[in-house]
Amino acid sequence: MDVALGGTFDPVHDGHRRLFDRAFELGDVTVGLTSDDLAPKTRHVERHVRPYDQRKEALETELEPIAEEYDREFEIRPLEDPTGIATEPQFDYLVVSPETRDGGERINELRRERGHEPLEVVVVPHVEAEDGDVISSTRIVQGEIDEHGNVLEGDTDEVRTDDGPDGSSESMEN
């Protein structure tokens, strides 16, 4: 089975990792990574997004061990428009987060118009941070939480690292 997944993924966090795991459970994965032109247009809050090449490299690093664990293949392709790759006929599934479910329905409308079978849209629930709010890249960039949803307290120059053998976090001054 072929699975489509799309996003900006900057920075990658545990919510994204849940999407990746579900996608690889279903089949081989093609990730549409937003282009430098599209990425700012998909933001609800204006913020810095790293260039495509840097995001692609970080995403490859994240996906390689997951693909290996599931014995699957993956490909990362530029996403130039919001409906992007998922309108192509080869895909069986589209993995989305709750806020992008409507985009999945729009993709299926386009697929039907083009004579393609609709995708099975698989909605993966959000991952909550320790404060009960959703983990998001914007919250990470703003210094509220780390990629695992740990709340960052105090000086925003402080960075959490997961160096402990038990996965515990340690704080480190920049």
Protein backbone atom coordinates (compact mmCIF):
# COMPACT_ATOMS: atom_id res chain seq x y z
CA MET A 1 0.00 0.00 0.00
CA ASP A 2 1.14 3.55 -0.72
CA VAL A 3 0.68 6.25 1.88
CA ALA A 4 0.78 10.03 1.41
CA LEU A 5 1.60 12.45 4.20
CA GLY A 6 2.31 16.16 4.00
CA GLY A 7 3.58 18.99 6.16
CA THR A 8 6.26 21.50 7.02
CA PHE A 9 7.77 19.49 9.89
CA ASP A 10 9.82 22.30 11.40
CA PRO A 11 10.81 21.30 13.97
CA VAL A 12 9.82 17.63 14.11
CA HIS A 13 8.12 16.68 17.38
CA ASP A 14 6.35 13.74 19.01
CA GLY A 15 3.05 14.59 17.29
CA HIS A 16 4.77 14.25 13.92
CA ARG A 17 6.39 11.02 15.07
CA ARG A 18 2.93 9.60 15.81
CA LEU A 19 1.89 10.49 12.23
CA PHE A 20 5.03 8.84 10.84
CA ASP A 21 4.50 5.66 12.85
CA ARG A 22 0.90 5.33 11.66
CA ALA A 23 1.89 6.00 8.04
CA PHE A 24 4.61 3.32 8.08
CA GLU A 25 2.21 0.85 9.72
CA LEU A 26 0.04 1.22 6.60
CA GLY A 27 2.68 0.98 3.86
CA ASP A 28 5.45 2.70 1.97
CA VAL A 29 5.36 6.44 2.59
CA THR A 30 5.72 9.48 0.36
CA VAL A 31 6.04 12.71 2.31
CA GLY A 32 5.11 15.96 0.65
CA LEU A 33 7.37 18.50 2.37
CA THR A 34 6.17 22.07 1.93
CA SER A 35 8.34 24.10 -0.41
CA ASP A 36 9.95 27.33 0.73
CA ASP A 37 7.16 29.24 -1.06
CA LEU A 38 4.31 27.20 0.43
CA ALA A 39 5.57 26.80 4.02
CA PRO A 40 4.84 30.38 5.20
CA LYS A 41 1.36 30.23 3.66
CA THR A 42 0.44 27.20 5.78
CA ARG A 43 1.31 28.87 9.11
CA HIS A 44 -1.46 30.08 11.41
CA VAL A 45 1.12 32.15 13.27
CA GLU A 46 3.88 33.98 11.43
CA ARG A 47 7.21 32.47 12.42
CA HIS A 48 10.55 31.47 10.98
CA VAL A 49 10.62 28.23 9.01
CA ARG A 50 13.96 26.72 8.04
CA PRO A 51 14.78 26.32 4.33
CA TYR A 52 13.48 23.25 2.49
CA ASP A 53 16.90 21.53 2.24
CA GLN A 54 17.48 21.78 6.00
CA ARG A 55 13.97 20.51 6.79
CA LYS A 56 14.37 17.66 4.29
CA GLU A 57 17.66 16.56 5.84
CA ALA A 58 16.17 16.59 9.36
CA LEU A 59 13.10 14.71 8.14
CA GLU A 60 15.22 12.02 6.46
CA THR A 61 17.06 11.52 9.75
CA GLU A 62 13.71 11.06 11.54
CA LEU A 63 12.18 8.75 8.94
CA GLU A 64 15.09 6.37 8.29
CA PRO A 65 14.87 4.42 11.58
CA ILE A 66 11.06 4.28 11.47
CA ALA A 67 11.08 2.98 7.90
CA GLU A 68 13.68 0.39 8.86
CA GLU A 69 11.62 -0.71 11.87
CA TYR A 70 8.58 -1.34 9.64
CA ASP A 71 10.66 -2.62 6.67
CA ARG A 72 9.20 0.10 4.45
CA GLU A 73 10.44 2.53 1.84
CA PHE A 74 9.97 6.30 1.90
CA GLU A 75 10.42 9.26 -0.37
CA ILE A 76 10.36 12.99 0.37
CA ARG A 77 9.08 15.26 -2.38
CA PRO A 78 8.49 19.02 -2.53
CA LEU A 79 4.92 20.08 -1.85
CA GLU A 80 4.11 23.13 -3.99
CA ASP A 81 0.39 23.39 -3.21
CA PRO A 82 -1.75 22.21 -0.28
CA THR A 83 -3.36 19.27 -2.12
CA GLY A 84 -0.02 18.30 -3.66
CA ILE A 85 1.04 14.73 -4.13
CA ALA A 86 -2.05 13.09 -2.62
CA THR A 87 -4.08 13.77 -5.77
CA GLU A 88 -1.81 11.38 -7.70
CA PRO A 89 -3.43 8.01 -8.50
CA GLN A 90 -0.93 5.64 -6.84
CA PHE A 91 -1.84 6.41 -3.24
CA ASP A 92 -4.21 4.34 -1.07
CA TYR A 93 -4.05 6.25 2.22
CA LEU A 94 -3.64 9.81 3.38
CA VAL A 95 -2.47 10.26 6.97
CA VAL A 96 -3.59 13.56 8.53
CA SER A 97 -3.87 15.29 11.88
CA PRO A 98 -7.30 16.41 13.14
CA GLU A 99 -6.90 19.99 11.87
CA THR A 100 -6.07 18.80 8.34
CA ARG A 101 -8.97 16.33 8.01
CA ASP A 102 -10.91 18.82 5.83
CA GLY A 103 -7.94 19.02 3.47
CA GLY A 104 -8.15 15.24 3.11
CA GLU A 105 -11.79 15.54 2.05
CA ARG A 106 -10.85 18.21 -0.51
CA ILE A 107 -8.13 15.92 -1.88
CA ASN A 108 -10.70 13.15 -2.34
CA GLU A 109 -12.98 15.55 -4.23
CA LEU A 110 -10.09 16.35 -6.59
CA ARG A 111 -9.26 12.65 -6.99
CA ARG A 112 -12.87 11.87 -7.94
CA GLU A 113 -12.87 14.74 -10.48
CA ARG A 114 -9.72 13.22 -12.02
CA GLY A 115 -11.19 9.72 -12.14
CA HIS A 116 -9.13 8.31 -9.26
CA GLU A 117 -10.37 6.24 -6.35
CA PRO A 118 -10.70 8.21 -3.10
CA LEU A 119 -8.04 7.74 -0.46
CA GLU A 120 -8.73 6.30 2.93
CA VAL A 121 -8.14 9.31 5.16
CA VAL A 122 -6.54 8.18 8.42
CA VAL A 123 -6.82 10.79 11.18
CA VAL A 124 -4.12 10.50 13.84
CA PRO A 125 -4.92 12.18 17.19
CA HIS A 126 -2.72 14.96 18.52
CA VAL A 127 -0.11 14.32 21.17
CA GLU A 128 -0.55 16.47 24.24
CA ALA A 129 2.23 18.27 26.05
CA GLU A 130 2.59 17.88 29.80
CA ASP A 131 0.42 21.01 30.25
CA GLY A 132 -2.49 19.31 28.44
CA ASP A 133 -2.26 21.51 25.34
CA VAL A 134 -1.29 20.11 21.93
CA ILE A 135 2.37 19.73 21.00
CA SER A 136 3.04 21.98 18.02
CA SER A 137 6.08 23.26 16.17
CA THR A 138 4.94 26.83 16.84
CA ARG A 139 4.93 26.23 20.61
CA ILE A 140 8.41 24.73 20.34
CA VAL A 141 9.75 27.66 18.29
CA GLN A 142 8.20 30.08 20.80
CA GLY A 143 10.06 28.33 23.63
CA GLU A 144 6.95 27.09 25.48
CA ILE A 145 7.74 23.36 25.18
CA ASP A 146 10.36 21.01 23.81
CA GLU A 147 9.83 18.45 21.03
CA HIS A 148 8.48 15.93 23.55
CA GLY A 149 5.95 18.32 25.12
CA ASN A 150 7.91 19.10 28.27
CA VAL A 151 7.04 22.60 29.47
CA LEU A 152 10.06 24.90 29.44
CA GLU A 153 10.07 27.14 32.47
CA GLY A 154 12.06 30.22 33.33
CA ASP A 155 14.52 31.93 31.03
CA THR A 156 13.83 31.32 27.34
CA ASP A 157 17.59 30.99 26.81
CA GLU A 158 17.35 27.64 28.55
CA VAL A 159 17.27 24.53 26.36
CA ARG A 160 16.15 21.07 27.42
CA THR A 161 18.10 18.03 26.35
CA ASP A 162 17.22 14.38 26.72
CA ASP A 163 20.59 13.13 27.83
CA GLY A 164 19.52 11.01 30.78
CA PRO A 165 19.67 7.22 30.28
CA ASP A 166 16.04 6.98 31.40
CA GLY A 167 14.91 9.67 28.94
CA SER A 168 14.76 12.30 31.68
CA SER A 169 15.32 15.88 30.68
CA GLU A 170 18.17 18.05 31.82
CA SER A 171 18.35 21.82 31.44
CA MET A 172 21.30 23.50 29.85
CA GLU A 173 22.04 27.22 29.47
CA ASN A 174 22.80 28.44 25.95
